[in-house]
Protein backbone atom coordinates (compact mmCIF):
# COMPACT_ATOMS: atom_id res chain seq x y z
CA UNK A 1 168.68 110.75 141.78
CA UNK A 2 167.24 113.37 139.51
CA UNK A 3 168.46 116.96 139.50
CA UNK A 4 166.76 119.10 142.14
CA UNK A 5 166.40 122.86 142.25
CA UNK A 6 167.48 122.74 145.92
CA UNK A 7 169.89 119.81 146.12
CA UNK A 8 170.62 120.48 149.80
CA UNK A 9 167.19 119.00 150.53
CA UNK A 10 168.57 115.62 149.47
CA UNK A 11 170.94 115.73 152.44
CA UNK A 12 167.90 116.08 154.72
CA UNK A 13 166.17 113.12 153.06
CA UNK A 14 169.23 110.90 152.69
CA UNK A 15 171.77 111.64 155.44
CA UNK A 16 173.09 108.07 155.20
CA UNK A 17 173.95 108.76 151.53
CA UNK A 18 175.96 111.88 152.39
CA UNK A 19 179.63 112.29 153.17
CA UNK A 20 181.55 115.37 154.22
CA UNK A 21 184.91 115.63 152.53
CA UNK A 22 188.11 117.64 152.87
CA UNK A 23 191.56 116.98 151.50
CA UNK A 24 195.03 118.11 152.44
CA UNK A 25 197.71 118.43 149.78
CA UNK A 26 201.41 119.14 149.30
CA UNK A 27 200.48 122.56 147.90
CA UNK A 28 197.92 124.39 145.80
CA UNK A 29 198.97 123.28 142.29
CA UNK A 30 196.81 120.49 140.91
CA UNK A 31 199.52 119.85 138.33
CA UNK A 32 202.55 119.64 140.67
CA UNK A 33 201.12 118.62 144.04
CA UNK A 34 199.46 115.48 145.34
CA UNK A 35 196.84 114.68 147.96
CA UNK A 36 198.36 113.87 151.34
CA UNK A 37 195.15 113.16 153.26
CA UNK A 38 191.48 112.64 152.47
CA UNK A 39 189.20 113.14 155.44
CA UNK A 40 185.66 111.81 155.29
CA UNK A 41 182.92 112.29 157.87
CA UNK A 42 179.90 110.06 157.43
CA UNK A 43 177.09 109.17 159.81
CA UNK A 44 178.91 110.67 162.80
CA UNK A 45 182.27 108.97 162.20
CA UNK A 46 185.51 110.45 160.87
CA UNK A 47 187.75 108.45 158.54
CA UNK A 48 191.26 109.66 157.65
CA UNK A 49 192.93 108.27 154.54
CA UNK A 50 196.65 109.02 154.35
CA UNK A 51 198.90 108.89 151.30
CA UNK A 52 201.24 105.89 151.24
CA UNK A 53 199.18 104.27 154.01
CA UNK A 54 195.53 103.82 153.03
CA UNK A 55 194.53 106.63 150.62
CA UNK A 56 193.01 104.17 148.11
CA UNK A 57 190.60 102.90 150.76
CA UNK A 58 188.81 106.26 150.52
CA UNK A 59 187.38 104.91 147.25
CA UNK A 60 185.11 102.63 149.32
CA UNK A 61 183.28 105.80 150.39
CA UNK A 62 183.83 108.03 147.38
CA UNK A 63 182.51 105.52 144.86
CA UNK A 64 179.46 104.45 146.85
CA UNK A 65 178.20 107.65 148.47
CA UNK A 66 176.14 109.76 146.05
CA UNK A 67 176.07 113.06 148.01
CA UNK A 68 179.34 114.87 148.78
CA UNK A 69 179.65 118.03 150.86
CA UNK A 70 182.78 120.17 150.61
CA UNK A 71 183.89 123.74 151.11
CA UNK A 72 185.44 125.02 147.89
CA UNK A 73 185.53 121.47 146.60
CA UNK A 74 184.36 122.39 143.14
CA UNK A 75 187.64 124.20 142.49
CA UNK A 76 189.99 122.37 144.86
CA UNK A 77 189.10 119.01 146.41
CA UNK A 78 187.33 117.41 143.45
CA UNK A 79 189.97 118.30 140.81
CA UNK A 80 192.68 116.81 143.08
CA UNK A 81 190.57 113.70 143.67
CA UNK A 82 189.90 113.32 139.94
CA UNK A 83 193.65 113.55 139.31
CA UNK A 84 194.40 110.90 141.94
CA UNK A 85 191.53 108.63 140.86
CA UNK A 86 190.73 109.48 137.20
CA UNK A 87 188.27 106.59 136.89
CA UNK A 88 186.15 107.78 139.83
CA UNK A 89 182.78 109.14 138.79
CA UNK A 90 181.66 112.58 139.88
CA UNK A 91 179.17 112.39 142.78
CA UNK A 92 175.49 112.48 141.85
CA UNK A 93 175.09 115.54 144.11
CA UNK A 94 177.85 117.89 145.23
CA UNK A 95 176.98 120.51 147.83
CA UNK A 96 179.77 123.08 147.86
CA UNK A 97 179.38 125.15 151.02
CA UNK A 98 181.48 127.91 149.48
CA UNK A 99 178.45 128.75 147.34
CA UNK A 100 175.71 127.81 149.80
CA UNK A 101 177.09 130.07 152.54
CA UNK A 102 176.96 133.00 150.13
CA UNK A 103 173.24 132.39 149.61
CA UNK A 104 172.70 133.29 153.27
CA UNK A 105 175.08 136.27 153.23
CA UNK A 106 178.25 134.66 154.60
CA UNK A 107 181.46 135.39 152.76
CA UNK A 108 185.05 134.28 153.20
CA UNK A 109 186.94 131.06 153.63
CA UNK A 110 186.04 128.15 155.86
CA UNK A 111 187.77 129.50 158.98
CA UNK A 112 186.15 132.94 158.64
CA UNK A 113 182.71 131.41 158.22
CA UNK A 114 183.26 129.13 161.21
CA UNK A 115 184.08 132.18 163.34
CA UNK A 116 181.03 134.05 162.03
CA UNK A 117 178.85 131.10 163.05
CA UNK A 118 180.48 130.78 166.49
CA UNK A 119 182.23 127.50 165.75
CA UNK A 120 185.34 127.14 167.93
CA UNK A 121 188.32 125.07 166.80
CA UNK A 122 191.00 123.46 168.94
CA UNK A 123 193.35 124.08 166.00
CA UNK A 124 192.47 127.79 165.86
CA UNK A 125 195.13 129.72 163.99
CA UNK A 126 196.14 126.78 161.78
CA UNK A 127 195.64 126.93 158.03
CA UNK A 128 196.38 125.00 154.86
CA UNK A 129 200.01 126.11 154.83
CA UNK A 130 200.44 124.66 158.31
CA UNK A 131 198.95 121.40 157.01
CA UNK A 132 201.57 121.32 154.25
CA UNK A 133 204.35 121.89 156.80
CA UNK A 134 203.01 119.12 159.05
CA UNK A 135 203.00 116.72 156.09
CA UNK A 136 206.56 117.69 155.20
CA UNK A 137 207.64 117.04 158.79
CA UNK A 138 205.94 113.65 158.72
CA UNK A 139 207.65 112.71 155.43
CA UNK A 140 211.11 114.01 156.40
CA UNK A 141 211.23 112.87 160.02
CA UNK A 142 208.41 110.32 160.37
CA UNK A 143 207.19 112.59 163.17
CA UNK A 144 204.02 110.86 164.39
CA UNK A 145 202.97 113.95 166.35
CA UNK A 146 202.99 115.98 163.11
CA UNK A 147 200.85 113.37 161.34
CA UNK A 148 198.41 113.16 164.27
CA UNK A 149 198.11 116.97 164.32
CA UNK A 150 197.50 117.03 160.56
CA UNK A 151 194.77 114.39 160.92
CA UNK A 152 193.17 116.28 163.82
CA UNK A 153 193.25 119.54 161.82
CA UNK A 154 191.54 117.78 158.91
CA UNK A 155 188.99 116.18 161.24
CA UNK A 156 187.96 119.60 162.53
CA UNK A 157 187.57 120.84 158.94
CA UNK A 158 185.38 117.89 157.96
CA UNK A 159 183.23 117.70 161.09
CA UNK A 160 182.65 121.46 160.92
CA UNK A 161 181.32 121.09 157.37
CA UNK A 162 178.34 119.20 158.78
CA UNK A 163 177.80 121.83 161.48
CA UNK A 164 177.92 124.60 158.86
CA UNK A 165 175.54 122.79 156.51
CA UNK A 166 173.04 122.21 159.32
CA UNK A 167 173.11 125.92 160.21
CA UNK A 168 172.90 127.04 156.58
CA UNK A 169 169.93 124.75 155.89
CA UNK A 170 168.01 126.23 158.82
CA UNK A 171 168.66 129.71 157.40
CA UNK A 172 167.67 128.64 153.88
CA UNK A 173 164.44 127.12 155.21
CA UNK A 174 163.66 130.36 157.14
CA UNK A 175 164.08 132.36 153.94
CA UNK A 176 161.58 130.09 152.17
CA UNK A 177 158.87 130.56 154.81
């Protein structure tokens, strides 16, 4: 794929070549912390990949899907993924919703933008720190409820990325008219 001025249009043309991606980690430091969960949403299906269970299987998607959509992934998700899988090539197209939402006047983190767009979460009130705590509880106690809650939290993040992108694209197209 060649470089486009408006790479989000590629998502419209090639939805089957697009994945929505969010990671959970042990903390914010790329140097000291590791990925605990990679969540991928592709073609209407969510796939969780958990450290020490099946994290490496995420490579089946990451290495074969040329368009990745993240929120803040340029500075967070992708550097962590590159650390975990240094041989993995950068996606051909990366749509970072952190920047795209700003183009239509939305500012803030993922949860704030979801609220501004009227997206309701079942895990409302949870944040990345809660995800770290859930992982710690899973590791320390093998608490399956904590792991399920972490996976569900991640699923909402990832599925909502598609909803946000669809809304943002409609607004970007309106601006162009």
